C-alpha atoms as a PDB file:
ATOM      1  CA  MET A   1     124.591  51.120 116.367  1.00  0.00           C
ATOM      2  CA  THR A   2     123.214  48.689 118.977  1.00  0.00           C
ATOM      3  CA  LEU A   3     125.378  46.387 121.080  1.00  0.00           C
ATOM      4  CA  GLU A   4     123.829  43.418 119.264  1.00  0.00           C
ATOM      5  CA  ALA A   5     124.798  44.885 115.886  1.00  0.00           C
ATOM      6  CA  ILE A   6     128.346  45.549 117.085  1.00  0.00           C
ATOM      7  CA  SER A   7     128.597  41.973 118.352  1.00  0.00           C
ATOM      8  CA  LYS A   8     127.310  40.607 115.035  1.00  0.00           C
ATOM      9  CA  ASN A   9     129.784  42.641 112.990  1.00  0.00           C
ATOM     10  CA  PHE A  10     132.635  41.588 115.273  1.00  0.00           C
ATOM     11  CA  PHE A  11     131.998  37.858 114.885  1.00  0.00           C
ATOM     12  CA  LEU A  12     131.353  38.152 111.146  1.00  0.00           C
ATOM     13  CA  TYR A  13     134.721  39.920 110.857  1.00  0.00           C
ATOM     14  CA  LEU A  14     136.393  37.105 112.792  1.00  0.00           C
ATOM     15  CA  SER A  15     134.713  34.482 110.584  1.00  0.00           C
ATOM     16  CA  ASN A  16     136.770  35.688 107.597  1.00  0.00           C
ATOM     17  CA  SER A  17     140.147  35.414 109.305  1.00  0.00           C
ATOM     18  CA  ARG A  18     142.345  32.804 107.611  1.00  0.00           C
ATOM     19  CA  VAL A  19     144.883  33.049 110.441  1.00  0.00           C
ATOM     20  CA  LEU A  20     142.303  32.203 113.096  1.00  0.00           C
ATOM     21  CA  ASP A  21     140.883  29.479 110.856  1.00  0.00           C
ATOM     22  CA  LYS A  22     144.290  27.785 110.793  1.00  0.00           C
ATOM     23  CA  LEU A  23     144.670  28.115 114.545  1.00  0.00           C
ATOM     24  CA  ALA A  24     141.202  26.642 115.068  1.00  0.00           C
ATOM     25  CA  LYS A  25     142.214  23.460 113.254  1.00  0.00           C
ATOM     26  CA  ARG A  26     144.954  22.982 115.842  1.00  0.00           C
ATOM     27  CA  TRP A  27     142.550  23.485 118.744  1.00  0.00           C
ATOM     28  CA  GLY A  28     139.960  21.008 117.540  1.00  0.00           C
ATOM     29  CA  SER A  29     136.276  21.756 118.086  1.00  0.00           C
ATOM     30  CA  LYS A  30     136.688  23.384 121.491  1.00  0.00           C
ATOM     31  CA  PHE A  31     135.298  26.653 122.870  1.00  0.00           C
ATOM     32  CA  GLY A  32     131.735  25.365 122.691  1.00  0.00           C
ATOM     33  CA  ALA A  33     131.825  24.407 119.015  1.00  0.00           C
ATOM     34  CA  ASP A  34     131.355  20.746 119.927  1.00  0.00           C
ATOM     35  CA  LYS A  35     127.844  21.669 121.096  1.00  0.00           C
ATOM     36  CA  ILE A  36     126.775  22.780 117.609  1.00  0.00           C
ATOM     37  CA  VAL A  37     129.120  20.672 115.446  1.00  0.00           C
ATOM     38  CA  GLY A  38     128.647  16.921 115.163  1.00  0.00           C
ATOM     39  CA  GLY A  39     132.322  15.938 115.233  1.00  0.00           C
ATOM     40  CA  GLU A  40     135.421  16.237 113.079  1.00  0.00           C
ATOM     41  CA  THR A  41     134.535  13.224 110.890  1.00  0.00           C
ATOM     42  CA  PHE A  42     131.299  11.822 109.499  1.00  0.00           C
ATOM     43  CA  ASP A  43     131.838   8.588 111.426  1.00  0.00           C
ATOM     44  CA  GLN A  44     131.728  10.630 114.640  1.00  0.00           C
ATOM     45  CA  ALA A  45     128.465  12.204 113.493  1.00  0.00           C
ATOM     46  CA  ILE A  46     126.699   8.899 112.694  1.00  0.00           C
ATOM     47  CA  PRO A  47     125.604   8.135 116.306  1.00  0.00           C
ATOM     48  CA  LEU A  48     124.187  11.665 116.597  1.00  0.00           C
ATOM     49  CA  ILE A  49     122.239  11.236 113.352  1.00  0.00           C
ATOM     50  CA  GLU A  50     120.887   7.897 114.555  1.00  0.00           C
ATOM     51  CA  GLN A  51     119.840   9.488 117.846  1.00  0.00           C
ATOM     52  CA  LEU A  52     118.038  12.311 116.045  1.00  0.00           C
ATOM     53  CA  ASN A  53     116.374   9.854 113.637  1.00  0.00           C
ATOM     54  CA  ASN A  54     115.202   7.736 116.576  1.00  0.00           C
ATOM     55  CA  GLN A  55     113.524  10.842 118.003  1.00  0.00           C
ATOM     56  CA  GLY A  56     111.629  11.288 114.743  1.00  0.00           C
ATOM     57  CA  LEU A  57     113.836  14.050 113.356  1.00  0.00           C
ATOM     58  CA  HIS A  58     115.378  14.160 109.891  1.00  0.00           C
ATOM     59  CA  VAL A  59     118.897  15.483 109.253  1.00  0.00           C
ATOM     60  CA  THR A  60     121.034  17.212 106.678  1.00  0.00           C
ATOM     61  CA  VAL A  61     124.788  16.956 107.163  1.00  0.00           C
ATOM     62  CA  ASP A  62     127.384  19.428 105.968  1.00  0.00           C
ATOM     63  CA  HIS A  63     131.113  18.754 105.715  1.00  0.00           C
ATOM     64  CA  LEU A  64     132.403  22.138 106.790  1.00  0.00           C
ATOM     65  CA  GLY A  65     134.975  23.858 104.614  1.00  0.00           C
ATOM     66  CA  GLU A  66     136.351  27.366 104.272  1.00  0.00           C
ATOM     67  CA  PHE A  67     139.028  28.904 102.060  1.00  0.00           C
ATOM     68  CA  VAL A  68     139.574  26.006  99.612  1.00  0.00           C
ATOM     69  CA  ASN A  69     142.072  27.329  97.078  1.00  0.00           C
ATOM     70  CA  SER A  70     143.668  24.280  95.471  1.00  0.00           C
ATOM     71  CA  GLU A  71     142.357  21.709  93.029  1.00  0.00           C
ATOM     72  CA  ALA A  72     143.730  18.904  95.200  1.00  0.00           C
ATOM     73  CA  GLU A  73     141.760  20.114  98.228  1.00  0.00           C
ATOM     74  CA  ALA A  74     138.588  20.547  96.159  1.00  0.00           C
ATOM     75  CA  ARG A  75     138.946  16.995  94.843  1.00  0.00           C
ATOM     76  CA  LYS A  76     139.473  15.758  98.399  1.00  0.00           C
ATOM     77  CA  ARG A  77     136.220  17.480  99.447  1.00  0.00           C
ATOM     78  CA  CYS A  78     134.438  15.856  96.526  1.00  0.00           C
ATOM     79  CA  GLN A  79     135.615  12.416  97.635  1.00  0.00           C
ATOM     80  CA  GLU A  80     134.491  13.150 101.186  1.00  0.00           C
ATOM     81  CA  CYS A  81     131.007  14.053  99.952  1.00  0.00           C
ATOM     82  CA  MET A  82     130.744  10.835  97.947  1.00  0.00           C
ATOM     83  CA  ALA A  83     131.948   8.718 100.876  1.00  0.00           C
ATOM     84  CA  THR A  84     129.359  10.418 103.101  1.00  0.00           C
ATOM     85  CA  ILE A  85     126.585   9.653 100.611  1.00  0.00           C
ATOM     86  CA  GLU A  86     127.543   5.967 100.651  1.00  0.00           C
ATOM     87  CA  LYS A  87     127.582   5.873 104.465  1.00  0.00           C
ATOM     88  CA  ILE A  88     124.187   7.573 104.688  1.00  0.00           C
ATOM     89  CA  ASP A  89     122.760   4.767 102.565  1.00  0.00           C
ATOM     90  CA  GLN A  90     124.731   1.952 104.209  1.00  0.00           C
ATOM     91  CA  ASN A  91     123.634   2.999 107.702  1.00  0.00           C
ATOM     92  CA  GLY A  92     120.000   3.594 106.720  1.00  0.00           C
ATOM     93  CA  LEU A  93     120.127   7.200 107.906  1.00  0.00           C
ATOM     94  CA  HIS A  94     117.317   9.689 107.264  1.00  0.00           C
ATOM     95  CA  SER A  95     119.726  12.342 106.081  1.00  0.00           C
ATOM     96  CA  GLU A  96     120.386  14.647 103.182  1.00  0.00           C
ATOM     97  CA  LEU A  97     123.752  16.219 102.338  1.00  0.00           C
ATOM     98  CA  SER A  98     124.394  19.962 102.201  1.00  0.00           C
ATOM     99  CA  LEU A  99     127.519  21.358 100.551  1.00  0.00           C
ATOM    100  CA  LYS A 100     129.210  24.598  99.558  1.00  0.00           C
ATOM    101  CA  LEU A 101     130.384  25.124  96.005  1.00  0.00           C
ATOM    102  CA  THR A 102     133.473  27.016  97.135  1.00  0.00           C
ATOM    103  CA  SER A 103     134.649  23.874  98.941  1.00  0.00           C
ATOM    104  CA  LEU A 104     134.408  22.051  95.603  1.00  0.00           C
ATOM    105  CA  GLY A 105     136.424  24.538  93.576  1.00  0.00           C
ATOM    106  CA  MET A 106     133.988  27.234  92.432  1.00  0.00           C
ATOM    107  CA  ASP A 107     136.548  29.960  93.137  1.00  0.00           C
ATOM    108  CA  ILE A 108     139.173  28.015  91.164  1.00  0.00           C
ATOM    109  CA  SER A 109     137.358  27.176  87.936  1.00  0.00           C
ATOM    110  CA  TYR A 110     133.897  26.453  86.588  1.00  0.00           C
ATOM    111  CA  GLU A 111     135.129  23.218  85.010  1.00  0.00           C
ATOM    112  CA  LEU A 112     136.442  21.927  88.345  1.00  0.00           C
ATOM    113  CA  VAL A 113     133.330  22.642  90.387  1.00  0.00           C
ATOM    114  CA  MET A 114     131.066  21.154  87.703  1.00  0.00           C
ATOM    115  CA  LYS A 115     133.204  18.017  87.438  1.00  0.00           C
ATOM    116  CA  ASN A 116     132.976  17.558  91.206  1.00  0.00           C
ATOM    117  CA  MET A 117     129.261  18.281  91.335  1.00  0.00           C
ATOM    118  CA  HIS A 118     128.409  15.833  88.556  1.00  0.00           C
ATOM    119  CA  GLU A 119     130.332  13.085  90.355  1.00  0.00           C
ATOM    120  CA  ILE A 120     128.533  13.883  93.608  1.00  0.00           C
ATOM    121  CA  MET A 121     125.125  14.009  91.937  1.00  0.00           C
ATOM    122  CA  GLU A 122     125.651  10.687  90.158  1.00  0.00           C
ATOM    123  CA  LYS A 123     126.596   9.087  93.477  1.00  0.00           C
ATOM    124  CA  ALA A 124     123.652  10.734  95.271  1.00  0.00           C
ATOM    125  CA  GLN A 125     121.214   9.614  92.595  1.00  0.00           C
ATOM    126  CA  ALA A 126     122.493   6.034  92.846  1.00  0.00           C
ATOM    127  CA  HIS A 127     122.037   6.033  96.645  1.00  0.00           C
ATOM    128  CA  ASN A 128     118.787   8.046  96.730  1.00  0.00           C
ATOM    129  CA  VAL A 129     120.262  10.922  98.743  1.00  0.00           C
ATOM    130  CA  VAL A 130     119.112  14.532  98.323  1.00  0.00           C
ATOM    131  CA  ILE A 131     121.778  17.217  97.908  1.00  0.00           C
ATOM    132  CA  THR A 132     121.316  20.864  98.908  1.00  0.00           C
ATOM    133  CA  ILE A 133     123.684  23.535  97.605  1.00  0.00           C
ATOM    134  CA  ASP A 134     124.232  26.010 100.434  1.00  0.00           C
ATOM    135  CA  MET A 135     124.237  29.700  99.582  1.00  0.00           C
ATOM    136  CA  GLU A 136     127.328  31.712 100.431  1.00  0.00           C
ATOM    137  CA  ASP A 137     127.938  35.466 100.243  1.00  0.00           C
ATOM    138  CA  SER A 138     126.291  37.721  97.676  1.00  0.00           C
ATOM    139  CA  THR A 139     129.316  37.815  95.363  1.00  0.00           C
ATOM    140  CA  ARG A 140     128.780  34.103  94.677  1.00  0.00           C
ATOM    141  CA  CYS A 141     124.983  34.137  94.543  1.00  0.00           C
ATOM    142  CA  GLN A 142     124.484  34.408  90.788  1.00  0.00           C
ATOM    143  CA  GLN A 143     126.999  31.710  89.898  1.00  0.00           C
ATOM    144  CA  THR A 144     125.569  29.417  92.568  1.00  0.00           C
ATOM    145  CA  LEU A 145     122.077  29.767  91.115  1.00  0.00           C
ATOM    146  CA  GLU A 146     123.312  29.221  87.552  1.00  0.00           C
ATOM    147  CA  ILE A 147     125.044  26.018  88.639  1.00  0.00           C
ATOM    148  CA  TYR A 148     121.915  24.924  90.492  1.00  0.00           C
ATOM    149  CA  LYS A 149     119.736  25.481  87.428  1.00  0.00           C
ATOM    150  CA  SER A 150     122.166  23.545  85.245  1.00  0.00           C
ATOM    151  CA  LEU A 151     122.176  20.593  87.629  1.00  0.00           C
ATOM    152  CA  LYS A 152     118.432  20.744  88.319  1.00  0.00           C
ATOM    153  CA  SER A 153     117.775  20.246  84.601  1.00  0.00           C
ATOM    154  CA  GLN A 154     119.555  16.867  84.920  1.00  0.00           C
ATOM    155  CA  TYR A 155     118.857  15.717  88.492  1.00  0.00           C
ATOM    156  CA  ASP A 156     115.681  15.804  90.590  1.00  0.00           C
ATOM    157  CA  ASN A 157     117.373  15.188  93.935  1.00  0.00           C
ATOM    158  CA  ILE A 158     118.894  18.649  94.358  1.00  0.00           C
ATOM    159  CA  GLY A 159     117.925  21.845  96.143  1.00  0.00           C
ATOM    160  CA  THR A 160     119.484  25.163  97.049  1.00  0.00           C
ATOM    161  CA  VAL A 161     119.136  28.095  99.431  1.00  0.00           C
ATOM    162  CA  ILE A 162     117.720  31.610  99.071  1.00  0.00           C
ATOM    163  CA  GLN A 163     118.550  34.310 101.646  1.00  0.00           C
ATOM    164  CA  SER A 164     115.927  36.874 102.600  1.00  0.00           C
ATOM    165  CA  TYR A 165     118.359  39.650 103.478  1.00  0.00           C
ATOM    166  CA  LEU A 166     119.302  40.115  99.814  1.00  0.00           C
ATOM    167  CA  TYR A 167     117.238  42.536  97.748  1.00  0.00           C
ATOM    168  CA  ARG A 168     117.307  40.171  94.778  1.00  0.00           C
ATOM    169  CA  SER A 169     115.789  37.123  96.475  1.00  0.00           C
ATOM    170  CA  VAL A 170     112.118  37.480  95.491  1.00  0.00           C
ATOM    171  CA  GLU A 171     113.189  37.911  91.852  1.00  0.00           C
ATOM    172  CA  ASP A 172     115.372  34.818  92.226  1.00  0.00           C
ATOM    173  CA  LEU A 173     112.303  32.848  93.313  1.00  0.00           C
ATOM    174  CA  ASP A 174     110.504  33.985  90.162  1.00  0.00           C
ATOM    175  CA  ASP A 175     113.510  33.023  88.043  1.00  0.00           C
ATOM    176  CA  LEU A 176     113.614  29.534  89.589  1.00  0.00           C
ATOM    177  CA  ASN A 177     109.873  28.922  89.371  1.00  0.00           C
ATOM    178  CA  ASP A 178     109.973  26.917  86.124  1.00  0.00           C
ATOM    179  CA  TYR A 179     112.549  24.550  87.653  1.00  0.00           C
ATOM    180  CA  HIS A 180     110.098  23.397  90.371  1.00  0.00           C
ATOM    181  CA  PRO A 181     112.788  23.970  92.975  1.00  0.00           C
ATOM    182  CA  TYR A 182     113.300  22.464  96.390  1.00  0.00           C
ATOM    183  CA  LEU A 183     114.406  25.539  98.361  1.00  0.00           C
ATOM    184  CA  ARG A 184     115.659  26.171 101.859  1.00  0.00           C
ATOM    185  CA  LEU A 185     114.606  29.711 102.780  1.00  0.00           C
ATOM    186  CA  VAL A 186     116.785  31.488 105.354  1.00  0.00           C
ATOM    187  CA  LYS A 187     117.523  34.995 106.599  1.00  0.00           C
ATOM    188  CA  GLY A 188     121.254  34.849 105.777  1.00  0.00           C
ATOM    189  CA  ALA A 189     124.438  34.744 107.839  1.00  0.00           C
ATOM    190  CA  TYR A 190     127.128  36.703 105.961  1.00  0.00           C
ATOM    191  CA  LYS A 191     128.226  40.309 106.374  1.00  0.00           C
ATOM    192  CA  GLU A 192     126.746  42.183 103.410  1.00  0.00           C
ATOM    193  CA  SER A 193     126.719  45.764 102.196  1.00  0.00           C
ATOM    194  CA  GLY A 194     123.573  47.864 102.336  1.00  0.00           C
ATOM    195  CA  LYS A 195     123.948  48.088  98.564  1.00  0.00           C
ATOM    196  CA  VAL A 196     122.806  44.477  98.178  1.00  0.00           C
ATOM    197  CA  ALA A 197     121.090  43.589 101.454  1.00  0.00           C
ATOM    198  CA  PHE A 198     118.492  44.870 103.905  1.00  0.00           C
ATOM    199  CA  VAL A 199     120.079  46.190 107.071  1.00  0.00           C
ATOM    200  CA  GLU A 200     116.896  46.378 109.154  1.00  0.00           C
ATOM    201  CA  LYS A 201     115.859  43.107 110.814  1.00  0.00           C
ATOM    202  CA  SER A 202     112.171  43.862 110.263  1.00  0.00           C
ATOM    203  CA  MET A 203     112.735  44.126 106.510  1.00  0.00           C
ATOM    204  CA  VAL A 204     114.671  40.849 106.437  1.00  0.00           C
ATOM    205  CA  ASP A 205     111.820  39.180 108.331  1.00  0.00           C
ATOM    206  CA  ASP A 206     109.135  40.651 106.072  1.00  0.00           C
ATOM    207  CA  ASN A 207     111.039  39.509 102.995  1.00  0.00           C
ATOM    208  CA  LEU A 208     111.363  35.983 104.372  1.00  0.00           C
ATOM    209  CA  LYS A 209     107.608  35.825 104.944  1.00  0.00           C
ATOM    210  CA  GLN A 210     107.031  36.994 101.382  1.00  0.00           C
ATOM    211  CA  MET A 211     109.406  34.307 100.095  1.00  0.00           C
ATOM    212  CA  ILE A 212     107.769  31.545 102.142  1.00  0.00           C
ATOM    213  CA  ARG A 213     104.340  32.566 100.876  1.00  0.00           C
ATOM    214  CA  LYS A 214     105.460  32.771  97.246  1.00  0.00           C
ATOM    215  CA  ASN A 215     107.310  29.463  97.155  1.00  0.00           C
ATOM    216  CA  LEU A 216     104.562  27.525  98.926  1.00  0.00           C
ATOM    217  CA  LEU A 217     101.748  29.024  96.866  1.00  0.00           C
ATOM    218  CA  ASN A 218     103.753  28.251  93.723  1.00  0.00           C
ATOM    219  CA  GLY A 219     103.479  24.618  94.825  1.00  0.00           C
ATOM    220  CA  HIS A 220     107.175  24.014  95.475  1.00  0.00           C
ATOM    221  CA  TYR A 221     108.710  22.054  98.332  1.00  0.00           C
ATOM    222  CA  THR A 222     109.886  24.550 100.936  1.00  0.00           C
ATOM    223  CA  ALA A 223     112.237  24.215 103.886  1.00  0.00           C
ATOM    224  CA  VAL A 224     111.573  27.027 106.363  1.00  0.00           C
ATOM    225  CA  ALA A 225     114.951  27.318 108.073  1.00  0.00           C
ATOM    226  CA  SER A 226     114.423  29.583 111.072  1.00  0.00           C
ATOM    227  CA  HIS A 227     114.477  29.459 114.868  1.00  0.00           C
ATOM    228  CA  ASP A 228     112.145  32.463 114.966  1.00  0.00           C
ATOM    229  CA  ASP A 229     108.825  31.725 116.688  1.00  0.00           C
ATOM    230  CA  GLU A 230     107.078  34.357 114.582  1.00  0.00           C
ATOM    231  CA  MET A 231     108.306  32.748 111.341  1.00  0.00           C
ATOM    232  CA  ILE A 232     107.132  29.335 112.534  1.00  0.00           C
ATOM    233  CA  ARG A 233     103.722  30.753 113.511  1.00  0.00           C
ATOM    234  CA  PHE A 234     103.428  32.526 110.160  1.00  0.00           C
ATOM    235  CA  THR A 235     104.159  29.308 108.255  1.00  0.00           C
ATOM    236  CA  LYS A 236     101.651  27.303 110.289  1.00  0.00           C
ATOM    237  CA  GLN A 237      98.939  29.875 109.652  1.00  0.00           C
ATOM    238  CA  LEU A 238      99.749  30.138 105.942  1.00  0.00           C
ATOM    239  CA  VAL A 239      99.536  26.410 105.272  1.00  0.00           C
ATOM    240  CA  LYS A 240      96.321  26.179 107.276  1.00  0.00           C
ATOM    241  CA  GLU A 241      94.665  29.032 105.364  1.00  0.00           C
ATOM    242  CA  HIS A 242      95.628  27.624 101.961  1.00  0.00           C
ATOM    243  CA  ASN A 243      95.231  23.906 102.750  1.00  0.00           C
ATOM    244  CA  ILE A 244      98.882  23.240 101.925  1.00  0.00           C
ATOM    245  CA  PRO A 245      99.719  19.619 102.815  1.00  0.00           C
ATOM    246  CA  ASN A 246     102.401  18.889 105.373  1.00  0.00           C
ATOM    247  CA  ASP A 247     104.403  16.919 102.809  1.00  0.00           C
ATOM    248  CA  GLN A 248     105.078  20.122 100.823  1.00  0.00           C
ATOM    249  CA  PHE A 249     107.230  21.767 103.480  1.00  0.00           C
ATOM    250  CA  GLU A 250     109.414  21.204 106.499  1.00  0.00           C
ATOM    251  CA  PHE A 251     110.997  23.196 109.295  1.00  0.00           C
ATOM    252  CA  GLN A 252     114.781  23.214 109.586  1.00  0.00           C
ATOM    253  CA  MET A 253     116.882  24.168 112.587  1.00  0.00           C
ATOM    254  CA  LEU A 254     120.530  23.978 113.537  1.00  0.00           C
ATOM    255  CA  TYR A 255     121.907  21.128 115.614  1.00  0.00           C
ATOM    256  CA  GLY A 256     122.186  22.101 119.263  1.00  0.00           C
ATOM    257  CA  MET A 257     119.719  24.976 119.095  1.00  0.00           C
ATOM    258  CA  ARG A 258     116.060  25.004 120.171  1.00  0.00           C
ATOM    259  CA  ASN A 259     116.055  21.242 120.702  1.00  0.00           C
ATOM    260  CA  GLN A 260     112.709  21.196 122.505  1.00  0.00           C
ATOM    261  CA  THR A 261     111.061  23.289 119.797  1.00  0.00           C
ATOM    262  CA  GLN A 262     112.265  20.768 117.217  1.00  0.00           C
ATOM    263  CA  LEU A 263     110.648  17.919 119.141  1.00  0.00           C
ATOM    264  CA  ASP A 264     107.457  19.878 119.780  1.00  0.00           C
ATOM    265  CA  LEU A 265     107.020  20.636 116.073  1.00  0.00           C
ATOM    266  CA  MET A 266     107.635  17.000 115.208  1.00  0.00           C
ATOM    267  CA  LYS A 267     105.025  15.860 117.727  1.00  0.00           C
ATOM    268  CA  GLU A 268     102.539  18.306 116.176  1.00  0.00           C
ATOM    269  CA  GLY A 269     102.908  16.404 112.918  1.00  0.00           C
ATOM    270  CA  TYR A 270     105.369  18.642 111.097  1.00  0.00           C
ATOM    271  CA  LYS A 271     108.511  17.369 109.408  1.00  0.00           C
ATOM    272  CA  VAL A 272     111.611  18.759 111.103  1.00  0.00           C
ATOM    273  CA  ARG A 273     115.141  18.541 109.739  1.00  0.00           C
ATOM    274  CA  VAL A 274     118.251  19.248 111.805  1.00  0.00           C
ATOM    275  CA  TYR A 275     121.246  20.850 110.088  1.00  0.00           C
ATOM    276  CA  LEU A 276     124.249  18.937 111.462  1.00  0.00           C
ATOM    277  CA  PRO A 277     127.693  20.176 110.387  1.00  0.00           C
ATOM    278  CA  TYR A 278     130.887  18.222 110.910  1.00  0.00           C
ATOM    279  CA  GLY A 279     134.553  18.548 110.014  1.00  0.00           C
ATOM    280  CA  GLU A 280     137.828  20.112 111.095  1.00  0.00           C
ATOM    281  CA  ASP A 281     136.995  23.426 109.397  1.00  0.00           C
ATOM    282  CA  TRP A 282     134.407  24.379 112.009  1.00  0.00           C
ATOM    283  CA  TYR A 283     135.731  27.871 112.724  1.00  0.00           C
ATOM    284  CA  GLY A 284     133.938  29.991 110.087  1.00  0.00           C
ATOM    285  CA  TYR A 285     130.618  28.243 110.731  1.00  0.00           C
ATOM    286  CA  PHE A 286     130.960  28.684 114.488  1.00  0.00           C
ATOM    287  CA  MET A 287     131.749  32.412 114.221  1.00  0.00           C
ATOM    288  CA  ARG A 288     128.685  32.997 112.011  1.00  0.00           C
ATOM    289  CA  ARG A 289     126.474  31.225 114.551  1.00  0.00           C
ATOM    290  CA  LEU A 290     127.836  33.491 117.306  1.00  0.00           C
ATOM    291  CA  ALA A 291     127.116  36.483 115.085  1.00  0.00           C
ATOM    292  CA  GLU A 292     123.517  35.372 114.472  1.00  0.00           C
ATOM    293  CA  ARG A 293     122.489  35.055 118.082  1.00  0.00           C
ATOM    294  CA  PRO A 294     124.309  36.599 121.086  1.00  0.00           C
ATOM    295  CA  ALA A 295     123.009  33.807 123.349  1.00  0.00           C
ATOM    296  CA  ASN A 296     125.238  31.401 121.444  1.00  0.00           C
ATOM    297  CA  ILE A 297     128.279  33.113 122.973  1.00  0.00           C
ATOM    298  CA  SER A 298     127.491  31.221 126.186  1.00  0.00           C
ATOM    299  CA  PHE A 299     128.465  28.012 124.386  1.00  0.00           C
ATOM    300  CA  ALA A 300     131.932  29.450 123.762  1.00  0.00           C
ATOM    301  CA  LEU A 301     132.377  30.609 127.347  1.00  0.00           C
ATOM    302  CA  LYS A 302     131.339  27.210 128.719  1.00  0.00           C
ATOM    303  CA  GLY A 303     133.812  25.553 126.369  1.00  0.00           C
ATOM    304  CA  ILE A 304     136.681  27.802 127.465  1.00  0.00           C
ATOM    305  CA  PHE A 305     136.160  27.298 131.197  1.00  0.00           C
ATOM    306  CA  SER A 306     135.324  23.578 131.084  1.00  0.00           C
ATOM    307  CA  LYS A 307     138.493  22.486 129.265  1.00  0.00           C
END
């Protein structure tokens, strides 16, 4: 096993620690997390969104949440999402909202998560805000897609995420085809078994290219969410070869990462959206970012020694 693989497994293991998650809430967004998280509240994130918008970049915000296990907490997260939707509209922000179904009660009951999602979707529809359901680990994939399909049959302003490291993902694209989906295509950031996911990076990359090609050629709006230069080059070449208009796709990147590339793509005429998370529950997200890219560890070290 390579050092990079060991590092990835280590941080993915840490990301699932409830004890460390609780400790992180006491620390606040230190240890470099403040460089990739937009603040602990949406109000703190608003100036960052405005700055990104003024540069020509679009945004999707995500109220971070891990380990929600009570109905009261799930309802609180629902109210937070609805308040965020209102503020996006009130402040004239070019921003969508991303959310995780587990933060809204999916692990508690189907009735609870659907109640929360319908309230959020009604609010989003009223304020003309697009909602993206984030994908979580493979054990929740099927239920997430079933919920997405149910909501997509009622609301147009909703998308979801497909992860290329799962064996099932190309079949999922075929299954979603009739729904004319808005999809964010990613490699995936959870620790998964070789029984359900590719373990070789080259296979994950090849599968992502296949997914990008399929979704774009099917005529569906596609968010290519990758910092990988090869994936960006592949997408550019694909849309050029098939005369796919620029308003059928966008590039998405994480806040605080590859900032110049984001601006360069925007100046070339491509739509670029920045994924900007916020909230007190930053720990799990931060650990998964460290697992994805060893260079991100430098953010943590700078945070430790600058406090």
